[in-house]
Amino acid sequence: MFKRLKELWYKLNPLYFPLFTAVPAGIWLIFSNPPWTSTYLSLYLLLIGFLTFSGAVEISDEELKPQLLGGLYMMLALTMAVIGLIRWLF
């Protein structure tokens, strides 16, 4: 059991971590209709910051796959920021 868990742990790639954490939480915050209290706003800003930081780190890599995912993370952060601003203004 531990050997199998150890093998799975080494196959876990931190490159995909924002896809499983920040993106679903951001989509939930965009499509749900919670009152924009300080808790939701703080979470939203943290998600945008996390995606921006992850994208900046991945873009600086020399391989193509991390650069593409870094660009995707940066575009998702920009899209979430624009949608959040529009929802806040209207």
PDB file of N, CA and C in Angstrom:
ATOM      1  N   MET A   1       0.825  -1.194   0.000  1.00  0.00           N
ATOM      2  CA  MET A   1       0.000   0.000   0.000  1.00  0.00           C
ATOM      3  C   MET A   1       0.870   1.258   0.000  1.00  0.00           C
ATOM      4  N   PHE A   2       1.885   1.287   0.857  1.00  0.00           N
ATOM      5  CA  PHE A   2       2.747   2.464   0.929  1.00  0.00           C
ATOM      6  C   PHE A   2       3.594   2.616  -0.328  1.00  0.00           C
ATOM      7  N   LYS A   3       3.961   1.491  -0.925  1.00  0.00           N
ATOM      8  CA  LYS A   3       4.744   1.549  -2.148  1.00  0.00           C
ATOM      9  C   LYS A   3       3.918   2.171  -3.274  1.00  0.00           C
ATOM     10  N   ARG A   4       2.672   1.782  -3.350  1.00  0.00           N
ATOM     11  CA  ARG A   4       1.777   2.323  -4.373  1.00  0.00           C
ATOM     12  C   ARG A   4       1.526   3.819  -4.147  1.00  0.00           C
ATOM     13  N   LEU A   5       1.336   4.205  -2.897  1.00  0.00           N
ATOM     14  CA  LEU A   5       1.136   5.605  -2.562  1.00  0.00           C
ATOM     15  C   LEU A   5       2.386   6.427  -2.875  1.00  0.00           C
ATOM     16  N   LYS A   6       3.546   5.847  -2.635  1.00  0.00           N
ATOM     17  CA  LYS A   6       4.807   6.529  -2.925  1.00  0.00           C
ATOM     18  C   LYS A   6       4.981   6.725  -4.432  1.00  0.00           C
ATOM     19  N   GLU A   7       4.581   5.730  -5.227  1.00  0.00           N
ATOM     20  CA  GLU A   7       4.662   5.856  -6.680  1.00  0.00           C
ATOM     21  C   GLU A   7       3.718   6.943  -7.179  1.00  0.00           C
ATOM     22  N   LEU A   8       2.523   7.005  -6.634  1.00  0.00           N
ATOM     23  CA  LEU A   8       1.573   8.039  -7.031  1.00  0.00           C
ATOM     24  C   LEU A   8       2.062   9.425  -6.625  1.00  0.00           C
ATOM     25  N   TRP A   9       2.728   9.514  -5.488  1.00  0.00           N
ATOM     26  CA  TRP A   9       3.233  10.797  -5.028  1.00  0.00           C
ATOM     27  C   TRP A   9       4.302  11.332  -5.977  1.00  0.00           C
ATOM     28  N   TYR A  10       5.142  10.443  -6.516  1.00  0.00           N
ATOM     29  CA  TYR A  10       6.179  10.895  -7.432  1.00  0.00           C
ATOM     30  C   TYR A  10       5.611  11.249  -8.806  1.00  0.00           C
ATOM     31  N   LYS A  11       4.455  10.707  -9.158  1.00  0.00           N
ATOM     32  CA  LYS A  11       3.820  11.046 -10.427  1.00  0.00           C
ATOM     33  C   LYS A  11       3.064  12.368 -10.351  1.00  0.00           C
ATOM     34  N   LEU A  12       2.797  12.858  -9.152  1.00  0.00           N
ATOM     35  CA  LEU A  12       2.090  14.121  -8.983  1.00  0.00           C
ATOM     36  C   LEU A  12       2.975  15.268  -9.451  1.00  0.00           C
ATOM     37  N   ASN A  13       2.488  16.000 -10.406  1.00  0.00           N
ATOM     38  CA  ASN A  13       3.259  17.088 -10.982  1.00  0.00           C
ATOM     39  C   ASN A  13       2.725  18.415 -10.440  1.00  0.00           C
ATOM     40  N   PRO A  14       3.540  19.231  -9.783  1.00  0.00           N
ATOM     41  CA  PRO A  14       3.054  20.503  -9.238  1.00  0.00           C
ATOM     42  C   PRO A  14       2.657  21.502 -10.311  1.00  0.00           C
ATOM     43  N   LEU A  15       2.967  21.207 -11.558  1.00  0.00           N
ATOM     44  CA  LEU A  15       2.579  22.063 -12.658  1.00  0.00           C
ATOM     45  C   LEU A  15       1.061  22.158 -12.794  1.00  0.00           C
ATOM     46  N   TYR A  16       0.375  21.076 -12.449  1.00  0.00           N
ATOM     47  CA  TYR A  16      -1.079  21.027 -12.606  1.00  0.00           C
ATOM     48  C   TYR A  16      -1.836  21.454 -11.351  1.00  0.00           C
ATOM     49  N   PHE A  17      -1.147  21.817 -10.293  1.00  0.00           N
ATOM     50  CA  PHE A  17      -1.792  22.143  -9.024  1.00  0.00           C
ATOM     51  C   PHE A  17      -2.824  23.272  -9.135  1.00  0.00           C
ATOM     52  N   PRO A  18      -2.529  24.373  -9.849  1.00  0.00           N
ATOM     53  CA  PRO A  18      -3.554  25.414  -9.978  1.00  0.00           C
ATOM     54  C   PRO A  18      -4.792  24.971 -10.755  1.00  0.00           C
ATOM     55  N   LEU A  19      -4.637  24.008 -11.666  1.00  0.00           N
ATOM     56  CA  LEU A  19      -5.800  23.523 -12.408  1.00  0.00           C
ATOM     57  C   LEU A  19      -6.795  22.812 -11.508  1.00  0.00           C
ATOM     58  N   PHE A  20      -6.304  22.185 -10.443  1.00  0.00           N
ATOM     59  CA  PHE A  20      -7.179  21.435  -9.548  1.00  0.00           C
ATOM     60  C   PHE A  20      -7.629  22.236  -8.336  1.00  0.00           C
ATOM     61  N   THR A  21      -7.008  23.389  -8.071  1.00  0.00           N
ATOM     62  CA  THR A  21      -7.361  24.155  -6.881  1.00  0.00           C
ATOM     63  C   THR A  21      -7.954  25.513  -7.224  1.00  0.00           C
ATOM     64  N   ALA A  22      -7.206  26.352  -7.899  1.00  0.00           N
ATOM     65  CA  ALA A  22      -7.625  27.739  -8.114  1.00  0.00           C
ATOM     66  C   ALA A  22      -8.694  27.866  -9.198  1.00  0.00           C
ATOM     67  N   VAL A  23      -8.577  27.123 -10.261  1.00  0.00           N
ATOM     68  CA  VAL A  23      -9.533  27.267 -11.365  1.00  0.00           C
ATOM     69  C   VAL A  23     -10.941  26.845 -10.951  1.00  0.00           C
ATOM     70  N   PRO A  24     -11.149  25.680 -10.308  1.00  0.00           N
ATOM     71  CA  PRO A  24     -12.516  25.349  -9.879  1.00  0.00           C
ATOM     72  C   PRO A  24     -13.081  26.324  -8.851  1.00  0.00           C
ATOM     73  N   ALA A  25     -12.244  26.801  -7.936  1.00  0.00           N
ATOM     74  CA  ALA A  25     -12.727  27.770  -6.950  1.00  0.00           C
ATOM     75  C   ALA A  25     -13.096  29.087  -7.623  1.00  0.00           C
ATOM     76  N   GLY A  26     -12.322  29.519  -8.592  1.00  0.00           N
ATOM     77  CA  GLY A  26     -12.635  30.744  -9.323  1.00  0.00           C
ATOM     78  C   GLY A  26     -13.902  30.618 -10.135  1.00  0.00           C
ATOM     79  N   ILE A  27     -14.079  29.483 -10.787  1.00  0.00           N
ATOM     80  CA  ILE A  27     -15.314  29.254 -11.547  1.00  0.00           C
ATOM     81  C   ILE A  27     -16.518  29.227 -10.615  1.00  0.00           C
ATOM     82  N   TRP A  28     -16.365  28.615  -9.454  1.00  0.00           N
ATOM     83  CA  TRP A  28     -17.458  28.597  -8.481  1.00  0.00           C
ATOM     84  C   TRP A  28     -17.808  30.013  -8.035  1.00  0.00           C
ATOM     85  N   LEU A  29     -16.807  30.838  -7.788  1.00  0.00           N
ATOM     86  CA  LEU A  29     -17.073  32.209  -7.361  1.00  0.00           C
ATOM     87  C   LEU A  29     -17.685  33.054  -8.480  1.00  0.00           C
ATOM     88  N   ILE A  30     -17.321  32.776  -9.722  1.00  0.00           N
ATOM     89  CA  ILE A  30     -17.882  33.536 -10.836  1.00  0.00           C
ATOM     90  C   ILE A  30     -19.342  33.173 -11.073  1.00  0.00           C
ATOM     91  N   PHE A  31     -19.660  31.885 -11.097  1.00  0.00           N
ATOM     92  CA  PHE A  31     -21.001  31.464 -11.477  1.00  0.00           C
ATOM     93  C   PHE A  31     -21.981  31.374 -10.313  1.00  0.00           C
ATOM     94  N   SER A  32     -21.500  31.305  -9.095  1.00  0.00           N
ATOM     95  CA  SER A  32     -22.429  31.361  -7.970  1.00  0.00           C
ATOM     96  C   SER A  32     -22.782  32.817  -7.729  1.00  0.00           C
ATOM     97  N   ASN A  33     -23.782  33.033  -6.967  1.00  0.00           N
ATOM     98  CA  ASN A  33     -24.213  34.408  -6.729  1.00  0.00           C
ATOM     99  C   ASN A  33     -24.141  34.726  -5.246  1.00  0.00           C
ATOM    100  N   PRO A  34     -22.939  34.651  -4.646  1.00  0.00           N
ATOM    101  CA  PRO A  34     -22.840  34.979  -3.224  1.00  0.00           C
ATOM    102  C   PRO A  34     -22.824  36.488  -3.030  1.00  0.00           C
ATOM    103  N   PRO A  35     -23.179  36.934  -1.865  1.00  0.00           N
ATOM    104  CA  PRO A  35     -22.982  38.368  -1.605  1.00  0.00           C
ATOM    105  C   PRO A  35     -21.479  38.639  -1.517  1.00  0.00           C
ATOM    106  N   TRP A  36     -21.026  39.667  -2.186  1.00  0.00           N
ATOM    107  CA  TRP A  36     -19.589  39.929  -2.250  1.00  0.00           C
ATOM    108  C   TRP A  36     -19.131  40.570  -0.949  1.00  0.00           C
ATOM    109  N   THR A  37     -19.037  39.747   0.069  1.00  0.00           N
ATOM    110  CA  THR A  37     -18.537  40.223   1.351  1.00  0.00           C
ATOM    111  C   THR A  37     -17.009  40.180   1.327  1.00  0.00           C
ATOM    112  N   SER A  38     -16.406  40.572   2.403  1.00  0.00           N
ATOM    113  CA  SER A  38     -14.941  40.630   2.436  1.00  0.00           C
ATOM    114  C   SER A  38     -14.312  39.245   2.302  1.00  0.00           C
ATOM    115  N   THR A  39     -14.989  38.206   2.772  1.00  0.00           N
ATOM    116  CA  THR A  39     -14.435  36.850   2.681  1.00  0.00           C
ATOM    117  C   THR A  39     -14.365  36.396   1.231  1.00  0.00           C
ATOM    118  N   TYR A  40     -15.461  36.567   0.493  1.00  0.00           N
ATOM    119  CA  TYR A  40     -15.469  36.156  -0.910  1.00  0.00           C
ATOM    120  C   TYR A  40     -14.525  37.019  -1.742  1.00  0.00           C
ATOM    121  N   LEU A  41     -14.481  38.283  -1.455  1.00  0.00           N
ATOM    122  CA  LEU A  41     -13.595  39.175  -2.191  1.00  0.00           C
ATOM    123  C   LEU A  41     -12.129  38.840  -1.921  1.00  0.00           C
ATOM    124  N   SER A  42     -11.800  38.538  -0.683  1.00  0.00           N
ATOM    125  CA  SER A  42     -10.425  38.145  -0.346  1.00  0.00           C
ATOM    126  C   SER A  42     -10.036  36.848  -1.038  1.00  0.00           C
ATOM    127  N   LEU A  43     -10.931  35.876  -1.047  1.00  0.00           N
ATOM    128  CA  LEU A  43     -10.660  34.608  -1.731  1.00  0.00           C
ATOM    129  C   LEU A  43     -10.466  34.837  -3.216  1.00  0.00           C
ATOM    130  N   TYR A  44     -11.295  35.675  -3.801  1.00  0.00           N
ATOM    131  CA  TYR A  44     -11.200  35.961  -5.228  1.00  0.00           C
ATOM    132  C   TYR A  44      -9.862  36.620  -5.563  1.00  0.00           C
ATOM    133  N   LEU A  45      -9.454  37.584  -4.747  1.00  0.00           N
ATOM    134  CA  LEU A  45      -8.173  38.248  -4.986  1.00  0.00           C
ATOM    135  C   LEU A  45      -6.992  37.301  -4.769  1.00  0.00           C
ATOM    136  N   LEU A  46      -7.089  36.418  -3.790  1.00  0.00           N
ATOM    137  CA  LEU A  46      -6.034  35.415  -3.581  1.00  0.00           C
ATOM    138  C   LEU A  46      -5.937  34.453  -4.763  1.00  0.00           C
ATOM    139  N   LEU A  47      -7.084  34.054  -5.326  1.00  0.00           N
ATOM    140  CA  LEU A  47      -7.067  33.169  -6.486  1.00  0.00           C
ATOM    141  C   LEU A  47      -6.416  33.844  -7.688  1.00  0.00           C
ATOM    142  N   ILE A  48      -6.739  35.097  -7.896  1.00  0.00           N
ATOM    143  CA  ILE A  48      -6.129  35.826  -9.006  1.00  0.00           C
ATOM    144  C   ILE A  48      -4.627  35.968  -8.780  1.00  0.00           C
ATOM    145  N   GLY A  49      -4.227  36.277  -7.566  1.00  0.00           N
ATOM    146  CA  GLY A  49      -2.803  36.387  -7.257  1.00  0.00           C
ATOM    147  C   GLY A  49      -2.070  35.059  -7.410  1.00  0.00           C
ATOM    148  N   PHE A  50      -2.704  33.972  -6.976  1.00  0.00           N
ATOM    149  CA  PHE A  50      -2.085  32.649  -7.093  1.00  0.00           C
ATOM    150  C   PHE A  50      -1.916  32.256  -8.553  1.00  0.00           C
ATOM    151  N   LEU A  51      -2.937  32.502  -9.370  1.00  0.00           N
ATOM    152  CA  LEU A  51      -2.821  32.181 -10.795  1.00  0.00           C
ATOM    153  C   LEU A  51      -1.774  33.049 -11.476  1.00  0.00           C
ATOM    154  N   THR A  52      -1.689  34.311 -11.097  1.00  0.00           N
ATOM    155  CA  THR A  52      -0.682  35.200 -11.679  1.00  0.00           C
ATOM    156  C   THR A  52       0.727  34.744 -11.303  1.00  0.00           C
ATOM    157  N   PHE A  53       0.931  34.433 -10.038  1.00  0.00           N
ATOM    158  CA  PHE A  53       2.243  33.967  -9.599  1.00  0.00           C
ATOM    159  C   PHE A  53       2.608  32.640 -10.258  1.00  0.00           C
ATOM    160  N   SER A  54       1.663  31.701 -10.313  1.00  0.00           N
ATOM    161  CA  SER A  54       1.938  30.408 -10.955  1.00  0.00           C
ATOM    162  C   SER A  54       2.263  30.587 -12.424  1.00  0.00           C
ATOM    163  N   GLY A  55       1.527  31.457 -13.090  1.00  0.00           N
ATOM    164  CA  GLY A  55       1.793  31.707 -14.502  1.00  0.00           C
ATOM    165  C   GLY A  55       3.152  32.335 -14.725  1.00  0.00           C
ATOM    166  N   ALA A  56       3.538  33.286 -13.876  1.00  0.00           N
ATOM    167  CA  ALA A  56       4.839  33.934 -14.026  1.00  0.00           C
ATOM    168  C   ALA A  56       5.982  32.951 -13.796  1.00  0.00           C
ATOM    169  N   VAL A  57       5.808  32.063 -12.830  1.00  0.00           N
ATOM    170  CA  VAL A  57       6.857  31.071 -12.552  1.00  0.00           C
ATOM    171  C   VAL A  57       6.964  30.073 -13.703  1.00  0.00           C
ATOM    172  N   GLU A  58       5.837  29.636 -14.227  1.00  0.00           N
ATOM    173  CA  GLU A  58       5.867  28.626 -15.284  1.00  0.00           C
ATOM    174  C   GLU A  58       6.325  29.197 -16.621  1.00  0.00           C
ATOM    175  N   ILE A  59       6.025  30.449 -16.900  1.00  0.00           N
ATOM    176  CA  ILE A  59       6.447  31.051 -18.165  1.00  0.00           C
ATOM    177  C   ILE A  59       7.968  31.162 -18.230  1.00  0.00           C
ATOM    178  N   SER A  60       8.609  31.322 -17.102  1.00  0.00           N
ATOM    179  CA  SER A  60      10.067  31.486 -17.105  1.00  0.00           C
ATOM    180  C   SER A  60      10.815  30.175 -17.338  1.00  0.00           C
ATOM    181  N   ASP A  61      10.110  29.054 -17.428  1.00  0.00           N
ATOM    182  CA  ASP A  61      10.759  27.769 -17.696  1.00  0.00           C
ATOM    183  C   ASP A  61      11.177  27.698 -19.164  1.00  0.00           C
ATOM    184  N   GLU A  62      12.117  26.814 -19.469  1.00  0.00           N
ATOM    185  CA  GLU A  62      12.629  26.712 -20.831  1.00  0.00           C
ATOM    186  C   GLU A  62      11.846  25.730 -21.696  1.00  0.00           C
ATOM    187  N   GLU A  63      11.086  24.835 -21.105  1.00  0.00           N
ATOM    188  CA  GLU A  63      10.342  23.853 -21.879  1.00  0.00           C
ATOM    189  C   GLU A  63       9.018  24.441 -22.356  1.00  0.00           C
ATOM    190  N   LEU A  64       8.448  23.831 -23.374  1.00  0.00           N
ATOM    191  CA  LEU A  64       7.237  24.362 -23.992  1.00  0.00           C
ATOM    192  C   LEU A  64       5.988  24.117 -23.144  1.00  0.00           C
ATOM    193  N   LYS A  65       5.864  22.930 -22.567  1.00  0.00           N
ATOM    194  CA  LYS A  65       4.664  22.592 -21.807  1.00  0.00           C
ATOM    195  C   LYS A  65       4.448  23.524 -20.610  1.00  0.00           C
ATOM    196  N   PRO A  66       5.454  23.778 -19.767  1.00  0.00           N
ATOM    197  CA  PRO A  66       5.239  24.739 -18.684  1.00  0.00           C
ATOM    198  C   PRO A  66       4.950  26.150 -19.173  1.00  0.00           C
ATOM    199  N   GLN A  67       5.540  26.543 -20.293  1.00  0.00           N
ATOM    200  CA  GLN A  67       5.271  27.874 -20.822  1.00  0.00           C
ATOM    201  C   GLN A  67       3.825  28.004 -21.280  1.00  0.00           C
ATOM    202  N   LEU A  68       3.299  26.961 -21.913  1.00  0.00           N
ATOM    203  CA  LEU A  68       1.902  26.993 -22.348  1.00  0.00           C
ATOM    204  C   LEU A  68       0.951  27.037 -21.155  1.00  0.00           C
ATOM    205  N   LEU A  69       1.223  26.219 -20.151  1.00  0.00           N
ATOM    206  CA  LEU A  69       0.370  26.248 -18.967  1.00  0.00           C
ATOM    207  C   LEU A  69       0.517  27.563 -18.203  1.00  0.00           C
ATOM    208  N   GLY A  70       1.700  28.145 -18.202  1.00  0.00           N
ATOM    209  CA  GLY A  70       1.899  29.449 -17.581  1.00  0.00           C
ATOM    210  C   GLY A  70       1.101  30.530 -18.282  1.00  0.00           C
ATOM    211  N   GLY A  71       1.083  30.477 -19.597  1.00  0.00           N
ATOM    212  CA  GLY A  71       0.258  31.420 -20.353  1.00  0.00           C
ATOM    213  C   GLY A  71      -1.222  31.217 -20.083  1.00  0.00           C
ATOM    214  N   LEU A  72      -1.634  29.962 -19.962  1.00  0.00           N
ATOM    215  CA  LEU A  72      -3.028  29.667 -19.633  1.00  0.00           C
ATOM    216  C   LEU A  72      -3.388  30.208 -18.257  1.00  0.00           C
ATOM    217  N   TYR A  73      -2.495  30.034 -17.284  1.00  0.00           N
ATOM    218  CA  TYR A  73      -2.754  30.553 -15.937  1.00  0.00           C
ATOM    219  C   TYR A  73      -2.846  32.075 -15.936  1.00  0.00           C
ATOM    220  N   MET A  74      -1.977  32.724 -16.706  1.00  0.00           N
ATOM    221  CA  MET A  74      -2.021  34.184 -16.776  1.00  0.00           C
ATOM    222  C   MET A  74      -3.303  34.658 -17.446  1.00  0.00           C
ATOM    223  N   MET A  75      -3.737  33.975 -18.500  1.00  0.00           N
ATOM    224  CA  MET A  75      -4.985  34.356 -19.169  1.00  0.00           C
ATOM    225  C   MET A  75      -6.188  34.122 -18.265  1.00  0.00           C
ATOM    226  N   LEU A  76      -6.180  33.027 -17.502  1.00  0.00           N
ATOM    227  CA  LEU A  76      -7.266  32.778 -16.558  1.00  0.00           C
ATOM    228  C   LEU A  76      -7.299  33.843 -15.465  1.00  0.00           C
ATOM    229  N   ALA A  77      -6.133  34.261 -14.990  1.00  0.00           N
ATOM    230  CA  ALA A  77      -6.087  35.312 -13.970  1.00  0.00           C
ATOM    231  C   ALA A  77      -6.624  36.626 -14.532  1.00  0.00           C
ATOM    232  N   LEU A  78      -6.255  36.957 -15.747  1.00  0.00           N
ATOM    233  CA  LEU A  78      -6.737  38.185 -16.373  1.00  0.00           C
ATOM    234  C   LEU A  78      -8.245  38.123 -16.599  1.00  0.00           C
ATOM    235  N   THR A  79      -8.731  36.987 -17.070  1.00  0.00           N
ATOM    236  CA  THR A  79     -10.163  36.821 -17.307  1.00  0.00           C
ATOM    237  C   THR A  79     -10.947  36.917 -16.007  1.00  0.00           C
ATOM    238  N   MET A  80     -10.450  36.262 -14.963  1.00  0.00           N
ATOM    239  CA  MET A  80     -11.144  36.334 -13.674  1.00  0.00           C
ATOM    240  C   MET A  80     -11.124  37.741 -13.111  1.00  0.00           C
ATOM    241  N   ALA A  81     -10.037  38.477 -13.313  1.00  0.00           N
ATOM    242  CA  ALA A  81      -9.957  39.852 -12.824  1.00  0.00           C
ATOM    243  C   ALA A  81     -10.947  40.748 -13.561  1.00  0.00           C
ATOM    244  N   VAL A  82     -11.053  40.581 -14.869  1.00  0.00           N
ATOM    245  CA  VAL A  82     -11.984  41.395 -15.649  1.00  0.00           C
ATOM    246  C   VAL A  82     -13.427  41.070 -15.281  1.00  0.00           C
ATOM    247  N   ILE A  83     -13.751  39.794 -15.156  1.00  0.00           N
ATOM    248  CA  ILE A  83     -15.110  39.399 -14.786  1.00  0.00           C
ATOM    249  C   ILE A  83     -15.455  39.898 -13.390  1.00  0.00           C
ATOM    250  N   GLY A  84     -14.517  39.793 -12.464  1.00  0.00           N
ATOM    251  CA  GLY A  84     -14.757  40.293 -11.112  1.00  0.00           C
ATOM    252  C   GLY A  84     -14.970  41.791 -11.081  1.00  0.00           C
ATOM    253  N   LEU A  85     -14.198  42.530 -11.883  1.00  0.00           N
ATOM    254  CA  LEU A  85     -14.360  43.985 -11.944  1.00  0.00           C
ATOM    255  C   LEU A  85     -15.713  44.361 -12.532  1.00  0.00           C
ATOM    256  N   ILE A  86     -16.111  43.666 -13.583  1.00  0.00           N
ATOM    257  CA  ILE A  86     -17.413  43.945 -14.208  1.00  0.00           C
ATOM    258  C   ILE A  86     -18.545  43.636 -13.240  1.00  0.00           C
ATOM    259  N   ARG A  87     -18.454  42.512 -12.530  1.00  0.00           N
ATOM    260  CA  ARG A  87     -19.501  42.172 -11.544  1.00  0.00           C
ATOM    261  C   ARG A  87     -19.540  43.187 -10.413  1.00  0.00           C
ATOM    262  N   TRP A  88     -18.393  43.685 -10.025  1.00  0.00           N
ATOM    263  CA  TRP A  88     -18.345  44.671  -8.927  1.00  0.00           C
ATOM    264  C   TRP A  88     -18.910  46.015  -9.373  1.00  0.00           C
ATOM    265  N   LEU A  89     -18.631  46.413 -10.646  1.00  0.00           N
ATOM    266  CA  LEU A  89     -19.120  47.692 -11.128  1.00  0.00           C
ATOM    267  C   LEU A  89     -20.615  47.700 -11.410  1.00  0.00           C
ATOM    268  N   PHE A  90     -21.134  46.572 -11.888  1.00  0.00           N
ATOM    269  CA  PHE A  90     -22.559  46.516 -12.210  1.00  0.00           C
ATOM    270  C   PHE A  90     -23.250  45.747 -11.156  1.00  0.00           C
TER     271      PHE A  90
END
